[in-house]
Amino acid sequence: MNLGKLAAGFAAVSLAAAPVAAQAANSAVPAVERVAATSTSSEQLEGENGILIAILAAAAVIAGIIIIADDDDPTSP
């Protein structure tokens, strides 16, 4: 029983010490700052395609409603 308590204590200490050891390993590396790259061409992410996508989505929803609502055939003979 004593060995089980010793193993549980060792596991608890190792779980508590792991983040501290990982942070200490990261602080040994010199800090490097990230710099944004300059861009020569600017892209417009939003444009005329948004309207086209909205129209296609609306058409898909309407087609789905029509397909679901068009089932008027009885299931029994």
Foldseek 3Di string as FASTA:
>chain_A
DVVVVVVVVVVVVCVVCVVVVVVVVVVVDDDDDDDDDDDPDDDDPDDPVVVVVVVVVVVVVVVVVCVVVVPPDDPDD
